[in-house]
Amino acid sequence: NYRLRGGAVASSIGHDSHNLIVLGD
């Protein structure tokens, strides 16, 4: 239900330990 296509989104804000989090196809 995120519905991304053709790439990736990443963040160093990842509650609450704030590890790197990335989502992509």
PDB file of all heavy atoms in Angstrom:
ATOM      1  N   ASN A   1       0.805  -1.227   0.000  1.00  0.00           N
ATOM      2  CA  ASN A   1       0.000   0.000   0.000  1.00  0.00           C
ATOM      3  C   ASN A   1       0.835   1.274   0.000  1.00  0.00           C
ATOM      4  O   ASN A   1       0.339   2.344   0.325  1.00  0.00           O
ATOM      5  CB  ASN A   1      -0.997   0.035   1.175  1.00  0.00           C
ATOM      6  CG  ASN A   1      -2.211   0.892   0.859  1.00  0.00           C
ATOM      7  OD1 ASN A   1      -2.580   1.055  -0.308  1.00  0.00           O
ATOM      8  ND2 ASN A   1      -2.832   1.459   1.883  1.00  0.00           N
ATOM      9  N   TYR A   2       2.108   1.168  -0.388  1.00  0.00           N
ATOM     10  CA  TYR A   2       2.944   2.351  -0.582  1.00  0.00           C
ATOM     11  C   TYR A   2       2.934   2.778  -2.053  1.00  0.00           C
ATOM     12  O   TYR A   2       3.051   3.950  -2.360  1.00  0.00           O
ATOM     13  CB  TYR A   2       4.378   2.047  -0.124  1.00  0.00           C
ATOM     14  CG  TYR A   2       5.257   3.253   0.081  1.00  0.00           C
ATOM     15  CD1 TYR A   2       5.245   3.948   1.277  1.00  0.00           C
ATOM     16  CD2 TYR A   2       6.131   3.672  -0.919  1.00  0.00           C
ATOM     17  CE1 TYR A   2       6.080   5.048   1.476  1.00  0.00           C
ATOM     18  CE2 TYR A   2       6.970   4.760  -0.739  1.00  0.00           C
ATOM     19  CZ  TYR A   2       6.935   5.448   0.466  1.00  0.00           C
ATOM     20  OH  TYR A   2       7.761   6.547   0.658  1.00  0.00           O
ATOM     21  N   ARG A   3       2.821   1.799  -2.934  1.00  0.00           N
ATOM     22  CA  ARG A   3       2.573   2.003  -4.366  1.00  0.00           C
ATOM     23  C   ARG A   3       3.668   2.749  -5.115  1.00  0.00           C
ATOM     24  O   ARG A   3       3.377   3.563  -5.999  1.00  0.00           O
ATOM     25  CB  ARG A   3       1.242   2.730  -4.578  1.00  0.00           C
ATOM     26  CG  ARG A   3       0.045   1.985  -4.024  1.00  0.00           C
ATOM     27  CD  ARG A   3      -1.236   2.753  -4.234  1.00  0.00           C
ATOM     28  NE  ARG A   3      -2.317   2.220  -3.435  1.00  0.00           N
ATOM     29  CZ  ARG A   3      -3.478   2.838  -3.221  1.00  0.00           C
ATOM     30  NH1 ARG A   3      -3.693   4.026  -3.776  1.00  0.00           N
ATOM     31  NH2 ARG A   3      -4.394   2.299  -2.469  1.00  0.00           N
ATOM     32  N   LEU A   4       4.904   2.481  -4.788  1.00  0.00           N
ATOM     33  CA  LEU A   4       6.026   3.111  -5.499  1.00  0.00           C
ATOM     34  C   LEU A   4       6.399   2.264  -6.719  1.00  0.00           C
ATOM     35  O   LEU A   4       6.330   1.047  -6.668  1.00  0.00           O
ATOM     36  CB  LEU A   4       7.186   3.240  -4.527  1.00  0.00           C
ATOM     37  CG  LEU A   4       8.560   3.678  -5.033  1.00  0.00           C
ATOM     38  CD1 LEU A   4       9.293   4.434  -3.926  1.00  0.00           C
ATOM     39  CD2 LEU A   4       9.411   2.475  -5.470  1.00  0.00           C
ATOM     40  N   ARG A   5       6.837   2.954  -7.760  1.00  0.00           N
ATOM     41  CA  ARG A   5       7.326   2.269  -8.963  1.00  0.00           C
ATOM     42  C   ARG A   5       8.496   3.044  -9.566  1.00  0.00           C
ATOM     43  O   ARG A   5       8.450   4.248  -9.726  1.00  0.00           O
ATOM     44  CB  ARG A   5       6.218   2.157 -10.020  1.00  0.00           C
ATOM     45  CG  ARG A   5       5.205   1.042  -9.749  1.00  0.00           C
ATOM     46  CD  ARG A   5       5.843  -0.351  -9.898  1.00  0.00           C
ATOM     47  NE  ARG A   5       4.893  -1.441  -9.690  1.00  0.00           N
ATOM     48  CZ  ARG A   5       4.700  -2.056  -8.531  1.00  0.00           C
ATOM     49  NH1 ARG A   5       5.377  -1.669  -7.461  1.00  0.00           N
ATOM     50  NH2 ARG A   5       3.839  -3.062  -8.421  1.00  0.00           N
ATOM     51  N   GLY A   6       9.582   2.306  -9.882  1.00  0.00           N
ATOM     52  CA  GLY A   6      10.698   2.897 -10.615  1.00  0.00           C
ATOM     53  C   GLY A   6      11.741   3.592  -9.783  1.00  0.00           C
ATOM     54  O   GLY A   6      12.429   4.487 -10.281  1.00  0.00           O
ATOM     55  N   GLY A   7      11.918   3.193  -8.509  1.00  0.00           N
ATOM     56  CA  GLY A   7      12.934   3.858  -7.709  1.00  0.00           C
ATOM     57  C   GLY A   7      12.927   3.439  -6.256  1.00  0.00           C
ATOM     58  O   GLY A   7      12.503   2.340  -5.905  1.00  0.00           O
ATOM     59  N   ALA A   8      13.395   4.358  -5.407  1.00  0.00           N
ATOM     60  CA  ALA A   8      13.505   4.078  -3.978  1.00  0.00           C
ATOM     61  C   ALA A   8      13.422   5.377  -3.193  1.00  0.00           C
ATOM     62  O   ALA A   8      13.761   6.452  -3.683  1.00  0.00           O
ATOM     63  CB  ALA A   8      14.813   3.359  -3.676  1.00  0.00           C
ATOM     64  N   VAL A   9      12.959   5.248  -1.947  1.00  0.00           N
ATOM     65  CA  VAL A   9      12.895   6.365  -1.006  1.00  0.00           C
ATOM     66  C   VAL A   9      13.641   5.938   0.251  1.00  0.00           C
ATOM     67  O   VAL A   9      13.445   4.817   0.745  1.00  0.00           O
ATOM     68  CB  VAL A   9      11.430   6.724  -0.659  1.00  0.00           C
ATOM     69  CG1 VAL A   9      11.371   7.787   0.419  1.00  0.00           C
ATOM     70  CG2 VAL A   9      10.694   7.193  -1.906  1.00  0.00           C
ATOM     71  N   ALA A  10      14.500   6.808   0.771  1.00  0.00           N
ATOM     72  CA  ALA A  10      15.313   6.453   1.931  1.00  0.00           C
ATOM     73  C   ALA A  10      15.336   7.588   2.944  1.00  0.00           C
ATOM     74  O   ALA A  10      15.169   8.752   2.600  1.00  0.00           O
ATOM     75  CB  ALA A  10      16.733   6.102   1.504  1.00  0.00           C
ATOM     76  N   SER A  11      15.582   7.209   4.221  1.00  0.00           N
ATOM     77  CA  SER A  11      15.575   8.197   5.302  1.00  0.00           C
ATOM     78  C   SER A  11      16.494   7.748   6.430  1.00  0.00           C
ATOM     79  O   SER A  11      16.606   6.556   6.707  1.00  0.00           O
ATOM     80  CB  SER A  11      14.146   8.368   5.828  1.00  0.00           C
ATOM     81  OG  SER A  11      14.111   9.171   6.986  1.00  0.00           O
ATOM     82  N   SER A  12      17.137   8.713   7.071  1.00  0.00           N
ATOM     83  CA  SER A  12      17.882   8.407   8.301  1.00  0.00           C
ATOM     84  C   SER A  12      17.011   8.643   9.521  1.00  0.00           C
ATOM     85  O   SER A  12      17.467   8.521  10.657  1.00  0.00           O
ATOM     86  CB  SER A  12      19.155   9.261   8.387  1.00  0.00           C
ATOM     87  OG  SER A  12      18.840  10.643   8.323  1.00  0.00           O
ATOM     88  N   ILE A  13      15.737   9.001   9.284  1.00  0.00           N
ATOM     89  CA  ILE A  13      14.756   9.109  10.355  1.00  0.00           C
ATOM     90  C   ILE A  13      13.964   7.816  10.340  1.00  0.00           C
ATOM     91  O   ILE A  13      13.189   7.555   9.413  1.00  0.00           O
ATOM     92  CB  ILE A  13      13.813  10.304  10.142  1.00  0.00           C
ATOM     93  CG1 ILE A  13      14.617  11.599  10.034  1.00  0.00           C
ATOM     94  CG2 ILE A  13      12.784  10.390  11.260  1.00  0.00           C
ATOM     95  CD1 ILE A  13      13.789  12.792   9.601  1.00  0.00           C
ATOM     96  N   GLY A  14      14.174   6.983  11.327  1.00  0.00           N
ATOM     97  CA  GLY A  14      13.482   5.703  11.427  1.00  0.00           C
ATOM     98  C   GLY A  14      13.125   5.464  12.877  1.00  0.00           C
ATOM     99  O   GLY A  14      13.935   4.945  13.641  1.00  0.00           O
ATOM    100  N   HIS A  15      11.963   5.920  13.273  1.00  0.00           N
ATOM    101  CA  HIS A  15      11.570   5.900  14.691  1.00  0.00           C
ATOM    102  C   HIS A  15      11.693   4.496  15.277  1.00  0.00           C
ATOM    103  O   HIS A  15      11.289   3.525  14.671  1.00  0.00           O
ATOM    104  CB  HIS A  15      10.141   6.402  14.842  1.00  0.00           C
ATOM    105  CG  HIS A  15       9.961   7.820  14.440  1.00  0.00           C
ATOM    106  ND1 HIS A  15      10.451   8.876  15.179  1.00  0.00           N
ATOM    107  CD2 HIS A  15       9.384   8.383  13.362  1.00  0.00           C
ATOM    108  CE1 HIS A  15      10.158  10.014  14.577  1.00  0.00           C
ATOM    109  NE2 HIS A  15       9.508   9.735  13.452  1.00  0.00           N
ATOM    110  N   ASP A  16      12.259   4.426  16.516  1.00  0.00           N
ATOM    111  CA  ASP A  16      12.813   5.522  17.274  1.00  0.00           C
ATOM    112  C   ASP A  16      14.336   5.406  17.378  1.00  0.00           C
ATOM    113  O   ASP A  16      14.991   6.285  17.917  1.00  0.00           O
ATOM    114  CB  ASP A  16      12.240   5.538  18.691  1.00  0.00           C
ATOM    115  CG  ASP A  16      10.905   6.237  18.782  1.00  0.00           C
ATOM    116  OD1 ASP A  16      10.682   7.188  18.019  1.00  0.00           O
ATOM    117  OD2 ASP A  16      10.073   5.826  19.590  1.00  0.00           O
ATOM    118  N   SER A  17      14.872   4.312  16.873  1.00  0.00           N
ATOM    119  CA  SER A  17      16.320   4.141  16.937  1.00  0.00           C
ATOM    120  C   SER A  17      17.037   4.899  15.826  1.00  0.00           C
ATOM    121  O   SER A  17      18.248   5.079  15.860  1.00  0.00           O
ATOM    122  CB  SER A  17      16.686   2.657  16.880  1.00  0.00           C
ATOM    123  OG  SER A  17      16.284   2.012  18.065  1.00  0.00           O
ATOM    124  N   HIS A  18      16.266   5.328  14.834  1.00  0.00           N
ATOM    125  CA  HIS A  18      16.787   6.166  13.746  1.00  0.00           C
ATOM    126  C   HIS A  18      17.946   5.524  13.002  1.00  0.00           C
ATOM    127  O   HIS A  18      18.979   6.142  12.747  1.00  0.00           O
ATOM    128  CB  HIS A  18      17.123   7.559  14.264  1.00  0.00           C
ATOM    129  CG  HIS A  18      15.903   8.247  14.778  1.00  0.00           C
ATOM    130  ND1 HIS A  18      14.856   8.601  13.956  1.00  0.00           N
ATOM    131  CD2 HIS A  18      15.522   8.581  16.029  1.00  0.00           C
ATOM    132  CE1 HIS A  18      13.896   9.141  14.685  1.00  0.00           C
ATOM    133  NE2 HIS A  18      14.271   9.138  15.944  1.00  0.00           N
ATOM    134  N   ASN A  19      17.724   4.273  12.678  1.00  0.00           N
ATOM    135  CA  ASN A  19      18.599   3.626  11.717  1.00  0.00           C
ATOM    136  C   ASN A  19      18.157   4.044  10.313  1.00  0.00           C
ATOM    137  O   ASN A  19      17.110   4.667  10.143  1.00  0.00           O
ATOM    138  CB  ASN A  19      18.525   2.114  11.898  1.00  0.00           C
ATOM    139  CG  ASN A  19      19.213   1.668  13.178  1.00  0.00           C
ATOM    140  OD1 ASN A  19      20.379   1.999  13.402  1.00  0.00           O
ATOM    141  ND2 ASN A  19      18.502   0.938  14.026  1.00  0.00           N
ATOM    142  N   LEU A  20      18.968   3.723   9.323  1.00  0.00           N
ATOM    143  CA  LEU A  20      18.604   4.049   7.957  1.00  0.00           C
ATOM    144  C   LEU A  20      17.480   3.123   7.512  1.00  0.00           C
ATOM    145  O   LEU A  20      17.494   1.928   7.809  1.00  0.00           O
ATOM    146  CB  LEU A  20      19.800   3.887   7.023  1.00  0.00           C
ATOM    147  CG  LEU A  20      21.033   4.746   7.332  1.00  0.00           C
ATOM    148  CD1 LEU A  20      22.121   4.500   6.287  1.00  0.00           C
ATOM    149  CD2 LEU A  20      20.692   6.221   7.388  1.00  0.00           C
ATOM    150  N   ILE A  21      16.516   3.689   6.813  1.00  0.00           N
ATOM    151  CA  ILE A  21      15.394   2.888   6.325  1.00  0.00           C
ATOM    152  C   ILE A  21      15.158   3.241   4.862  1.00  0.00           C
ATOM    153  O   ILE A  21      15.191   4.417   4.474  1.00  0.00           O
ATOM    154  CB  ILE A  21      14.137   3.128   7.191  1.00  0.00           C
ATOM    155  CG1 ILE A  21      12.982   2.226   6.750  1.00  0.00           C
ATOM    156  CG2 ILE A  21      13.738   4.581   7.237  1.00  0.00           C
ATOM    157  CD1 ILE A  21      11.851   2.164   7.766  1.00  0.00           C
ATOM    158  N   VAL A  22      14.968   2.217   4.048  1.00  0.00           N
ATOM    159  CA  VAL A  22      14.815   2.425   2.609  1.00  0.00           C
ATOM    160  C   VAL A  22      13.761   1.480   2.070  1.00  0.00           C
ATOM    161  O   VAL A  22      13.634   0.340   2.517  1.00  0.00           O
ATOM    162  CB  VAL A  22      16.165   2.234   1.876  1.00  0.00           C
ATOM    163  CG1 VAL A  22      16.720   0.838   2.099  1.00  0.00           C
ATOM    164  CG2 VAL A  22      16.045   2.559   0.395  1.00  0.00           C
ATOM    165  N   LEU A  23      13.003   1.965   1.118  1.00  0.00           N
ATOM    166  CA  LEU A  23      11.929   1.193   0.496  1.00  0.00           C
ATOM    167  C   LEU A  23      12.011   1.408  -1.009  1.00  0.00           C
ATOM    168  O   LEU A  23      12.197   2.539  -1.468  1.00  0.00           O
ATOM    169  CB  LEU A  23      10.586   1.667   1.046  1.00  0.00           C
ATOM    170  CG  LEU A  23       9.298   0.954   0.624  1.00  0.00           C
ATOM    171  CD1 LEU A  23       8.253   1.117   1.723  1.00  0.00           C
ATOM    172  CD2 LEU A  23       8.748   1.499  -0.674  1.00  0.00           C
ATOM    173  N   GLY A  24      11.898   0.327  -1.782  1.00  0.00           N
ATOM    174  CA  GLY A  24      11.987   0.500  -3.225  1.00  0.00           C
ATOM    175  C   GLY A  24      11.576  -0.742  -3.998  1.00  0.00           C
ATOM    176  O   GLY A  24      11.277  -1.786  -3.420  1.00  0.00           O
ATOM    177  N   ASP A  25      11.589  -0.598  -5.318  1.00  0.00           N
ATOM    178  CA  ASP A  25      11.225  -1.736  -6.171  1.00  0.00           C
ATOM    179  C   ASP A  25      12.419  -2.291  -6.930  1.00  0.00           C
ATOM    180  O   ASP A  25      12.273  -3.187  -7.764  1.00  0.00           O
ATOM    181  CB  ASP A  25      10.098  -1.350  -7.132  1.00  0.00           C
ATOM    182  CG  ASP A  25      10.538  -0.359  -8.203  1.00  0.00           C
ATOM    183  OD1 ASP A  25      11.655   0.206  -8.085  1.00  0.00           O
ATOM    184  OD2 ASP A  25       9.758  -0.132  -9.143  1.00  0.00           O
TER     185      ASP A  25
END
